[in-house]
Amino acid sequence: MTLFTVDVEKCNRDRLCVENCPAQIIVLEDDYQVPLPSKNAEEICISCGHCVAICPTGALSHRSMTPENCELIQRELLPRPEQVEHLLRSRRSIRTYTDQTVDHKLLTHMIDVACDAPTGGNSQPVQWHIIYDPKEVQRLAGIVVDWMRNTMDNQSKYASNLGLKRLVAAWDSGIDRICRNAPHIVIAHGAKDHGSASSSCTIALTYLELIAYGSGLGACWAGYFTGAANLWPPMMKAIGLPDGHKCFGAMMIGYPKYRYRRIPLRNPAKIT
């Protein structure tokens, strides 16, 4: 199959695919022809699907996707601006969870949604690793504490800046301030040498946090977990990411134990 094909009968020559192609590789010579790939289109195309998504008649099929296998946008399901604003402003980082685990299907579905997050050049470098068993989450939290103890012994100033002494003391007293007794941890990882893997993982985890909130769940960025995952060899071995990959972010997920009722104040935006 060529890069894309156009149904002559359906195409209304409106140039929408031409004008909305990010790579500018679709040409329409005149109103009597249909859109065609430009020179070197095969090498330049990033398979973003804009050409398929923008066509109102479903005339254009890309070799990686067709109009039939792309879900239609349902305008009636889109939230109003004030609803989006309330969702974003009322979101909280959840640090207290119930013992209830999240259904595998729901967790997988939320990650599928997070995969719609934008990535540089549609490179889609994000991969996912789920620590599902709550006991395994706790075991890994203990390995994070081992990293903290080692850091306190060998990098005292760095440990002091991170406040590790308090965290280790809490752990020793039976309080988990590492993973907050969350039932699950989700890791977003990618190739260390991929230029947009870091930002892509961060954006995807943000999507995951928002869909989790919209699904009645709670989430919180697991910064200490991420630090140990990238700095402590026993932790790297324990989570077992592919060779050449790095943990670009980890997130606790579970059912919130408590419900927030107000939106706290934040500093006003600093804008120039």
C-alpha atoms as a PDB file:
ATOM      1  CA  MET A   1       0.000   0.000   0.000  1.00  0.00           C
ATOM      2  CA  THR A   2       1.225   3.510  -0.810  1.00  0.00           C
ATOM      3  CA  LEU A   3       1.569   6.061   1.990  1.00  0.00           C
ATOM      4  CA  PHE A   4      -2.078   7.010   1.694  1.00  0.00           C
ATOM      5  CA  THR A   5      -4.981   6.472  -0.673  1.00  0.00           C
ATOM      6  CA  VAL A   6      -7.937   8.723  -1.423  1.00  0.00           C
ATOM      7  CA  ASP A   7     -11.429   7.621  -2.389  1.00  0.00           C
ATOM      8  CA  VAL A   8     -12.170   9.721  -5.474  1.00  0.00           C
ATOM      9  CA  GLU A   9     -15.934   9.559  -4.937  1.00  0.00           C
ATOM     10  CA  LYS A  10     -15.768  10.697  -1.299  1.00  0.00           C
ATOM     11  CA  CYS A  11     -13.081  13.377  -1.619  1.00  0.00           C
ATOM     12  CA  ASN A  12     -14.511  16.898  -1.871  1.00  0.00           C
ATOM     13  CA  ARG A  13     -11.139  18.579  -2.571  1.00  0.00           C
ATOM     14  CA  ASP A  14     -11.448  20.879   0.448  1.00  0.00           C
ATOM     15  CA  ARG A  15      -7.670  20.872   1.056  1.00  0.00           C
ATOM     16  CA  LEU A  16      -8.103  20.169   4.773  1.00  0.00           C
ATOM     17  CA  CYS A  17      -5.582  17.338   4.706  1.00  0.00           C
ATOM     18  CA  VAL A  18      -3.136  19.519   2.777  1.00  0.00           C
ATOM     19  CA  GLU A  19      -3.326  22.430   5.181  1.00  0.00           C
ATOM     20  CA  ASN A  20      -3.318  20.349   8.379  1.00  0.00           C
ATOM     21  CA  CYS A  21      -0.471  17.954   7.611  1.00  0.00           C
ATOM     22  CA  PRO A  22       2.303  18.794  10.130  1.00  0.00           C
ATOM     23  CA  ALA A  23       4.996  17.595   7.719  1.00  0.00           C
ATOM     24  CA  GLN A  24       3.445  19.412   4.721  1.00  0.00           C
ATOM     25  CA  ILE A  25       3.780  16.347   2.488  1.00  0.00           C
ATOM     26  CA  ILE A  26       0.299  16.339   0.898  1.00  0.00           C
ATOM     27  CA  VAL A  27      -0.267  18.222  -2.326  1.00  0.00           C
ATOM     28  CA  LEU A  28      -3.372  19.054  -4.361  1.00  0.00           C
ATOM     29  CA  GLU A  29      -2.511  20.372  -7.800  1.00  0.00           C
ATOM     30  CA  ASP A  30      -6.013  21.430  -8.838  1.00  0.00           C
ATOM     31  CA  ASP A  31      -9.666  20.920  -7.978  1.00  0.00           C
ATOM     32  CA  TYR A  32     -10.020  18.054 -10.448  1.00  0.00           C
ATOM     33  CA  GLN A  33      -7.444  15.794  -8.805  1.00  0.00           C
ATOM     34  CA  VAL A  34      -7.279  14.252  -5.352  1.00  0.00           C
ATOM     35  CA  PRO A  35      -4.538  14.851  -2.770  1.00  0.00           C
ATOM     36  CA  LEU A  36      -1.243  13.069  -3.449  1.00  0.00           C
ATOM     37  CA  PRO A  37       1.940  12.440  -1.433  1.00  0.00           C
ATOM     38  CA  SER A  38       4.706  14.916  -2.188  1.00  0.00           C
ATOM     39  CA  LYS A  39       8.255  13.944  -3.060  1.00  0.00           C
ATOM     40  CA  ASN A  40      10.009  12.142  -0.188  1.00  0.00           C
ATOM     41  CA  ALA A  41       6.703  11.860   1.686  1.00  0.00           C
ATOM     42  CA  GLU A  42       7.488   8.275   2.669  1.00  0.00           C
ATOM     43  CA  GLU A  43      10.618   9.354   4.557  1.00  0.00           C
ATOM     44  CA  ILE A  44       9.124  12.487   6.121  1.00  0.00           C
ATOM     45  CA  CYS A  45       5.697  11.222   7.254  1.00  0.00           C
ATOM     46  CA  ILE A  46       5.401  10.787  11.041  1.00  0.00           C
ATOM     47  CA  SER A  47       2.163   8.735  10.876  1.00  0.00           C
ATOM     48  CA  CYS A  48       0.354  11.170  13.162  1.00  0.00           C
ATOM     49  CA  GLY A  49      -3.038  10.488  11.551  1.00  0.00           C
ATOM     50  CA  HIS A  50      -3.994  14.154  11.157  1.00  0.00           C
ATOM     51  CA  CYS A  51      -4.918  13.560   7.516  1.00  0.00           C
ATOM     52  CA  VAL A  52      -7.326  10.774   8.465  1.00  0.00           C
ATOM     53  CA  ALA A  53      -8.722  12.641  11.468  1.00  0.00           C
ATOM     54  CA  ILE A  54      -9.413  15.916   9.624  1.00  0.00           C
ATOM     55  CA  CYS A  55     -11.245  14.499   6.601  1.00  0.00           C
ATOM     56  CA  PRO A  56     -15.005  15.069   7.060  1.00  0.00           C
ATOM     57  CA  THR A  57     -16.008  12.465   4.457  1.00  0.00           C
ATOM     58  CA  GLY A  58     -13.600   9.690   5.467  1.00  0.00           C
ATOM     59  CA  ALA A  59     -12.029   9.750   2.016  1.00  0.00           C
ATOM     60  CA  LEU A  60      -8.384   9.442   3.042  1.00  0.00           C
ATOM     61  CA  SER A  61      -6.829   6.225   4.361  1.00  0.00           C
ATOM     62  CA  HIS A  62      -3.256   6.191   5.643  1.00  0.00           C
ATOM     63  CA  ARG A  63      -1.399   2.914   5.420  1.00  0.00           C
ATOM     64  CA  SER A  64      -1.132   2.848   9.228  1.00  0.00           C
ATOM     65  CA  MET A  65      -4.819   3.635   9.843  1.00  0.00           C
ATOM     66  CA  THR A  66      -8.157   3.988   8.084  1.00  0.00           C
ATOM     67  CA  PRO A  67     -11.208   6.123   8.885  1.00  0.00           C
ATOM     68  CA  GLU A  68     -13.070   2.942   9.834  1.00  0.00           C
ATOM     69  CA  ASN A  69     -10.651   1.978  12.611  1.00  0.00           C
ATOM     70  CA  CYS A  70     -10.388   5.499  14.061  1.00  0.00           C
ATOM     71  CA  GLU A  71     -12.985   6.374  16.697  1.00  0.00           C
ATOM     72  CA  LEU A  72     -15.305   9.262  15.821  1.00  0.00           C
ATOM     73  CA  ILE A  73     -15.098  12.357  18.037  1.00  0.00           C
ATOM     74  CA  GLN A  74     -18.392  12.723  19.919  1.00  0.00           C
ATOM     75  CA  ARG A  75     -18.844  16.436  20.500  1.00  0.00           C
ATOM     76  CA  GLU A  76     -21.627  15.843  23.010  1.00  0.00           C
ATOM     77  CA  LEU A  77     -19.152  14.078  25.312  1.00  0.00           C
ATOM     78  CA  LEU A  78     -16.655  16.928  25.375  1.00  0.00           C
ATOM     79  CA  PRO A  79     -16.739  18.903  28.657  1.00  0.00           C
ATOM     80  CA  ARG A  80     -17.436  22.622  28.783  1.00  0.00           C
ATOM     81  CA  PRO A  81     -14.496  24.943  29.569  1.00  0.00           C
ATOM     82  CA  GLU A  82     -15.666  25.455  33.143  1.00  0.00           C
ATOM     83  CA  GLN A  83     -15.828  21.675  33.638  1.00  0.00           C
ATOM     84  CA  VAL A  84     -12.279  21.232  32.372  1.00  0.00           C
ATOM     85  CA  GLU A  85     -11.133  24.079  34.618  1.00  0.00           C
ATOM     86  CA  HIS A  86     -12.801  22.536  37.670  1.00  0.00           C
ATOM     87  CA  LEU A  87     -11.267  19.143  36.912  1.00  0.00           C
ATOM     88  CA  LEU A  88      -7.779  20.623  36.665  1.00  0.00           C
ATOM     89  CA  ARG A  89      -8.070  22.883  39.707  1.00  0.00           C
ATOM     90  CA  SER A  90      -9.745  20.347  41.997  1.00  0.00           C
ATOM     91  CA  ARG A  91      -7.224  17.586  41.290  1.00  0.00           C
ATOM     92  CA  ARG A  92      -5.164  16.729  44.367  1.00  0.00           C
ATOM     93  CA  SER A  93      -2.056  14.627  44.883  1.00  0.00           C
ATOM     94  CA  ILE A  94      -3.388  11.672  46.870  1.00  0.00           C
ATOM     95  CA  ARG A  95      -1.219  10.360  49.696  1.00  0.00           C
ATOM     96  CA  THR A  96      -3.704   8.232  51.633  1.00  0.00           C
ATOM     97  CA  TYR A  97      -5.275   5.172  50.012  1.00  0.00           C
ATOM     98  CA  THR A  98      -7.727   2.415  50.844  1.00  0.00           C
ATOM     99  CA  ASP A  99      -6.637  -1.224  50.703  1.00  0.00           C
ATOM    100  CA  GLN A 100      -8.768  -1.818  47.598  1.00  0.00           C
ATOM    101  CA  THR A 101      -6.814  -2.720  44.479  1.00  0.00           C
ATOM    102  CA  VAL A 102      -7.664  -1.279  41.062  1.00  0.00           C
ATOM    103  CA  ASP A 103      -9.080  -3.682  38.504  1.00  0.00           C
ATOM    104  CA  HIS A 104      -6.509  -4.754  35.911  1.00  0.00           C
ATOM    105  CA  LYS A 105      -8.789  -3.729  33.041  1.00  0.00           C
ATOM    106  CA  LEU A 106      -9.378  -0.243  34.428  1.00  0.00           C
ATOM    107  CA  LEU A 107      -5.677   0.326  35.039  1.00  0.00           C
ATOM    108  CA  THR A 108      -4.814  -0.865  31.535  1.00  0.00           C
ATOM    109  CA  HIS A 109      -7.582   1.275  30.022  1.00  0.00           C
ATOM    110  CA  MET A 110      -6.280   4.394  31.766  1.00  0.00           C
ATOM    111  CA  ILE A 111      -2.787   3.749  30.435  1.00  0.00           C
ATOM    112  CA  ASP A 112      -4.260   3.296  26.948  1.00  0.00           C
ATOM    113  CA  VAL A 113      -5.829   6.751  27.313  1.00  0.00           C
ATOM    114  CA  ALA A 114      -2.507   8.181  28.518  1.00  0.00           C
ATOM    115  CA  CYS A 115      -0.935   6.889  25.301  1.00  0.00           C
ATOM    116  CA  ASP A 116      -2.900   9.599  23.461  1.00  0.00           C
ATOM    117  CA  ALA A 117      -0.651  12.210  25.086  1.00  0.00           C
ATOM    118  CA  PRO A 118       1.456  14.182  22.588  1.00  0.00           C
ATOM    119  CA  THR A 119       5.020  13.076  21.875  1.00  0.00           C
ATOM    120  CA  GLY A 120       7.807  14.743  19.911  1.00  0.00           C
ATOM    121  CA  GLY A 121       7.333  14.053  16.205  1.00  0.00           C
ATOM    122  CA  ASN A 122       4.759  11.382  17.101  1.00  0.00           C
ATOM    123  CA  SER A 123       7.704   9.202  18.150  1.00  0.00           C
ATOM    124  CA  GLN A 124       5.646   7.564  20.936  1.00  0.00           C
ATOM    125  CA  PRO A 125       8.706   6.517  22.979  1.00  0.00           C
ATOM    126  CA  VAL A 126       6.813   5.879  26.227  1.00  0.00           C
ATOM    127  CA  GLN A 127       6.682   2.378  27.664  1.00  0.00           C
ATOM    128  CA  TRP A 128       4.957   1.318  30.858  1.00  0.00           C
ATOM    129  CA  HIS A 129       5.769  -0.950  33.777  1.00  0.00           C
ATOM    130  CA  ILE A 130       3.133  -1.654  36.436  1.00  0.00           C
ATOM    131  CA  ILE A 131       3.990  -2.789  39.957  1.00  0.00           C
ATOM    132  CA  TYR A 132       0.572  -4.288  40.671  1.00  0.00           C
ATOM    133  CA  ASP A 133       1.040  -6.377  43.835  1.00  0.00           C
ATOM    134  CA  PRO A 134       0.790  -4.131  46.944  1.00  0.00           C
ATOM    135  CA  LYS A 135       3.325  -6.345  48.728  1.00  0.00           C
ATOM    136  CA  GLU A 136       5.793  -5.805  45.907  1.00  0.00           C
ATOM    137  CA  VAL A 137       5.191  -2.057  46.120  1.00  0.00           C
ATOM    138  CA  GLN A 138       6.143  -2.207  49.794  1.00  0.00           C
ATOM    139  CA  ARG A 139       9.204  -4.323  49.071  1.00  0.00           C
ATOM    140  CA  LEU A 140      10.389  -1.766  46.539  1.00  0.00           C
ATOM    141  CA  ALA A 141       9.670   1.056  48.987  1.00  0.00           C
ATOM    142  CA  GLY A 142      12.055  -0.709  51.355  1.00  0.00           C
ATOM    143  CA  ILE A 143      14.734  -0.734  48.655  1.00  0.00           C
ATOM    144  CA  VAL A 144      14.198   3.013  48.212  1.00  0.00           C
ATOM    145  CA  VAL A 145      14.868   3.410  51.934  1.00  0.00           C
ATOM    146  CA  ASP A 146      18.074   1.400  51.521  1.00  0.00           C
ATOM    147  CA  TRP A 147      19.141   3.934  48.876  1.00  0.00           C
ATOM    148  CA  MET A 148      18.316   6.740  51.291  1.00  0.00           C
ATOM    149  CA  ARG A 149      20.424   5.178  54.056  1.00  0.00           C
ATOM    150  CA  ASN A 150      23.330   4.775  51.659  1.00  0.00           C
ATOM    151  CA  THR A 151      22.961   8.385  50.530  1.00  0.00           C
ATOM    152  CA  MET A 152      22.940   9.586  54.159  1.00  0.00           C
ATOM    153  CA  ASP A 153      26.179   7.685  54.794  1.00  0.00           C
ATOM    154  CA  ASN A 154      27.997   8.762  51.646  1.00  0.00           C
ATOM    155  CA  GLN A 155      26.409  12.041  50.495  1.00  0.00           C
ATOM    156  CA  SER A 156      25.338  13.725  53.702  1.00  0.00           C
ATOM    157  CA  LYS A 157      24.791  17.205  52.234  1.00  0.00           C
ATOM    158  CA  TYR A 158      22.684  15.847  49.371  1.00  0.00           C
ATOM    159  CA  ALA A 159      20.728  13.687  51.831  1.00  0.00           C
ATOM    160  CA  SER A 160      20.144  16.691  54.062  1.00  0.00           C
ATOM    161  CA  ASN A 161      18.852  18.783  51.146  1.00  0.00           C
ATOM    162  CA  LEU A 162      16.351  16.036  50.336  1.00  0.00           C
ATOM    163  CA  GLY A 163      15.296  15.608  53.962  1.00  0.00           C
ATOM    164  CA  LEU A 164      16.056  11.894  53.840  1.00  0.00           C
ATOM    165  CA  LYS A 165      16.664  11.549  57.577  1.00  0.00           C
ATOM    166  CA  ARG A 166      13.020  12.295  58.371  1.00  0.00           C
ATOM    167  CA  LEU A 167      11.801   9.891  55.705  1.00  0.00           C
ATOM    168  CA  VAL A 168      13.980   7.046  56.955  1.00  0.00           C
ATOM    169  CA  ALA A 169      12.925   7.730  60.554  1.00  0.00           C
ATOM    170  CA  ALA A 170       9.271   7.581  59.488  1.00  0.00           C
ATOM    171  CA  TRP A 171       9.876   4.258  57.721  1.00  0.00           C
ATOM    172  CA  ASP A 172      11.580   2.842  60.804  1.00  0.00           C
ATOM    173  CA  SER A 173       8.553   3.820  62.879  1.00  0.00           C
ATOM    174  CA  GLY A 174       6.178   2.033  60.490  1.00  0.00           C
ATOM    175  CA  ILE A 175       5.087   5.009  58.386  1.00  0.00           C
ATOM    176  CA  ASP A 176       5.533   4.744  54.607  1.00  0.00           C
ATOM    177  CA  ARG A 177       6.309   8.159  53.172  1.00  0.00           C
ATOM    178  CA  ILE A 178       7.898   6.623  50.072  1.00  0.00           C
ATOM    179  CA  CYS A 179       4.930   4.972  48.355  1.00  0.00           C
ATOM    180  CA  ARG A 180       2.302   6.062  50.893  1.00  0.00           C
ATOM    181  CA  ASN A 181       0.900   2.528  51.113  1.00  0.00           C
ATOM    182  CA  ALA A 182      -0.487   2.916  47.594  1.00  0.00           C
ATOM    183  CA  PRO A 183      -1.527  -0.446  46.152  1.00  0.00           C
ATOM    184  CA  HIS A 184       0.086   0.174  42.748  1.00  0.00           C
ATOM    185  CA  ILE A 185       3.001   2.003  41.130  1.00  0.00           C
ATOM    186  CA  VAL A 186       3.063   2.839  37.424  1.00  0.00           C
ATOM    187  CA  ILE A 187       6.437   3.573  35.828  1.00  0.00           C
ATOM    188  CA  ALA A 188       6.826   5.445  32.531  1.00  0.00           C
ATOM    189  CA  HIS A 189      10.144   4.601  30.906  1.00  0.00           C
ATOM    190  CA  GLY A 190      11.922   4.939  27.600  1.00  0.00           C
ATOM    191  CA  ALA A 191      15.297   4.792  25.908  1.00  0.00           C
ATOM    192  CA  LYS A 192      17.894   6.957  27.653  1.00  0.00           C
ATOM    193  CA  ASP A 193      19.195   8.328  24.365  1.00  0.00           C
ATOM    194  CA  HIS A 194      15.790   9.229  22.904  1.00  0.00           C
ATOM    195  CA  GLY A 195      15.569  12.991  22.656  1.00  0.00           C
ATOM    196  CA  SER A 196      11.935  13.377  23.698  1.00  0.00           C
ATOM    197  CA  ALA A 197      11.501  10.365  26.005  1.00  0.00           C
ATOM    198  CA  SER A 198      11.745  12.440  29.183  1.00  0.00           C
ATOM    199  CA  SER A 199       9.146  15.047  28.223  1.00  0.00           C
ATOM    200  CA  SER A 200       6.924  12.428  26.583  1.00  0.00           C
ATOM    201  CA  CYS A 201       6.859  10.305  29.749  1.00  0.00           C
ATOM    202  CA  THR A 202       6.101  13.363  31.890  1.00  0.00           C
ATOM    203  CA  ILE A 203       3.178  14.392  29.696  1.00  0.00           C
ATOM    204  CA  ALA A 204       1.840  10.829  29.519  1.00  0.00           C
ATOM    205  CA  LEU A 205       1.956  10.467  33.311  1.00  0.00           C
ATOM    206  CA  THR A 206       0.083  13.762  33.608  1.00  0.00           C
ATOM    207  CA  TYR A 207      -2.608  12.359  31.326  1.00  0.00           C
ATOM    208  CA  LEU A 208      -2.684   9.237  33.510  1.00  0.00           C
ATOM    209  CA  GLU A 209      -3.094  11.292  36.669  1.00  0.00           C
ATOM    210  CA  LEU A 210      -6.033  13.201  35.183  1.00  0.00           C
ATOM    211  CA  ILE A 211      -7.867  10.153  33.815  1.00  0.00           C
ATOM    212  CA  ALA A 212      -7.311   8.469  37.185  1.00  0.00           C
ATOM    213  CA  TYR A 213      -8.994  11.400  38.940  1.00  0.00           C
ATOM    214  CA  GLY A 214     -11.837  11.333  36.426  1.00  0.00           C
ATOM    215  CA  SER A 215     -12.241   7.592  37.118  1.00  0.00           C
ATOM    216  CA  GLY A 216     -12.648   8.025  40.866  1.00  0.00           C
ATOM    217  CA  LEU A 217      -9.047   7.106  41.659  1.00  0.00           C
ATOM    218  CA  GLY A 218      -6.196   9.024  43.216  1.00  0.00           C
ATOM    219  CA  ALA A 219      -2.592   9.409  42.091  1.00  0.00           C
ATOM    220  CA  CYS A 220       0.624  11.021  43.245  1.00  0.00           C
ATOM    221  CA  TRP A 221       4.039  11.405  41.667  1.00  0.00           C
ATOM    222  CA  ALA A 222       6.531   9.060  43.336  1.00  0.00           C
ATOM    223  CA  GLY A 223       9.661  11.213  43.251  1.00  0.00           C
ATOM    224  CA  TYR A 224      11.781   9.252  45.725  1.00  0.00           C
ATOM    225  CA  PHE A 225      10.884   6.031  43.935  1.00  0.00           C
ATOM    226  CA  THR A 226      12.016   7.590  40.647  1.00  0.00           C
ATOM    227  CA  GLY A 227      15.248   8.793  42.201  1.00  0.00           C
ATOM    228  CA  ALA A 228      16.158   5.341  43.492  1.00  0.00           C
ATOM    229  CA  ALA A 229      15.111   3.750  40.192  1.00  0.00           C
ATOM    230  CA  ASN A 230      17.785   5.788  38.409  1.00  0.00           C
ATOM    231  CA  LEU A 231      20.537   5.975  41.048  1.00  0.00           C
ATOM    232  CA  TRP A 232      20.511   2.760  43.100  1.00  0.00           C
ATOM    233  CA  PRO A 233      21.664  -0.441  41.332  1.00  0.00           C
ATOM    234  CA  PRO A 234      19.631  -2.796  43.594  1.00  0.00           C
ATOM    235  CA  MET A 235      16.496  -0.819  42.683  1.00  0.00           C
ATOM    236  CA  MET A 236      17.350  -0.886  38.979  1.00  0.00           C
ATOM    237  CA  LYS A 237      17.715  -4.655  39.188  1.00  0.00           C
ATOM    238  CA  ALA A 238      14.480  -5.022  41.167  1.00  0.00           C
ATOM    239  CA  ILE A 239      12.269  -3.190  38.654  1.00  0.00           C
ATOM    240  CA  GLY A 240      14.039  -4.757  35.671  1.00  0.00           C
ATOM    241  CA  LEU A 241      13.562  -2.184  32.929  1.00  0.00           C
ATOM    242  CA  PRO A 242      14.943  -3.072  29.468  1.00  0.00           C
ATOM    243  CA  ASP A 243      18.626  -2.405  28.808  1.00  0.00           C
ATOM    244  CA  GLY A 244      19.230   1.184  27.794  1.00  0.00           C
ATOM    245  CA  HIS A 245      15.972   2.385  29.353  1.00  0.00           C
ATOM    246  CA  LYS A 246      15.467   4.892  32.139  1.00  0.00           C
ATOM    247  CA  CYS A 247      12.603   5.514  34.537  1.00  0.00           C
ATOM    248  CA  PHE A 248      11.417   8.996  33.597  1.00  0.00           C
ATOM    249  CA  GLY A 249       8.674   9.048  36.205  1.00  0.00           C
ATOM    250  CA  ALA A 250       6.671   6.875  38.582  1.00  0.00           C
ATOM    251  CA  MET A 251       3.179   7.361  39.951  1.00  0.00           C
ATOM    252  CA  MET A 252       1.271   5.906  42.894  1.00  0.00           C
ATOM    253  CA  ILE A 253      -2.288   4.924  42.070  1.00  0.00           C
ATOM    254  CA  GLY A 254      -5.190   3.653  44.159  1.00  0.00           C
ATOM    255  CA  TYR A 255      -8.566   4.548  45.652  1.00  0.00           C
ATOM    256  CA  PRO A 256      -8.456   7.679  47.841  1.00  0.00           C
ATOM    257  CA  LYS A 257      -9.214   7.106  51.509  1.00  0.00           C
ATOM    258  CA  TYR A 258     -10.565  10.634  51.938  1.00  0.00           C
ATOM    259  CA  ARG A 259     -12.395  13.159  49.773  1.00  0.00           C
ATOM    260  CA  TYR A 260     -11.276  16.763  49.397  1.00  0.00           C
ATOM    261  CA  ARG A 261     -13.968  19.433  49.549  1.00  0.00           C
ATOM    262  CA  ARG A 262     -12.255  22.684  48.598  1.00  0.00           C
ATOM    263  CA  ILE A 263      -9.701  23.997  46.128  1.00  0.00           C
ATOM    264  CA  PRO A 264      -6.695  25.465  47.998  1.00  0.00           C
ATOM    265  CA  LEU A 265      -5.132  28.727  46.947  1.00  0.00           C
ATOM    266  CA  ARG A 266      -2.086  28.849  44.712  1.00  0.00           C
ATOM    267  CA  ASN A 267       0.289  31.667  43.818  1.00  0.00           C
ATOM    268  CA  PRO A 268      -0.875  33.763  40.875  1.00  0.00           C
ATOM    269  CA  ALA A 269       0.785  33.128  37.537  1.00  0.00           C
ATOM    270  CA  LYS A 270       4.004  35.045  36.862  1.00  0.00           C
ATOM    271  CA  ILE A 271       3.612  36.242  33.296  1.00  0.00           C
ATOM    272  CA  THR A 272       5.842  38.437  31.155  1.00  0.00           C
END
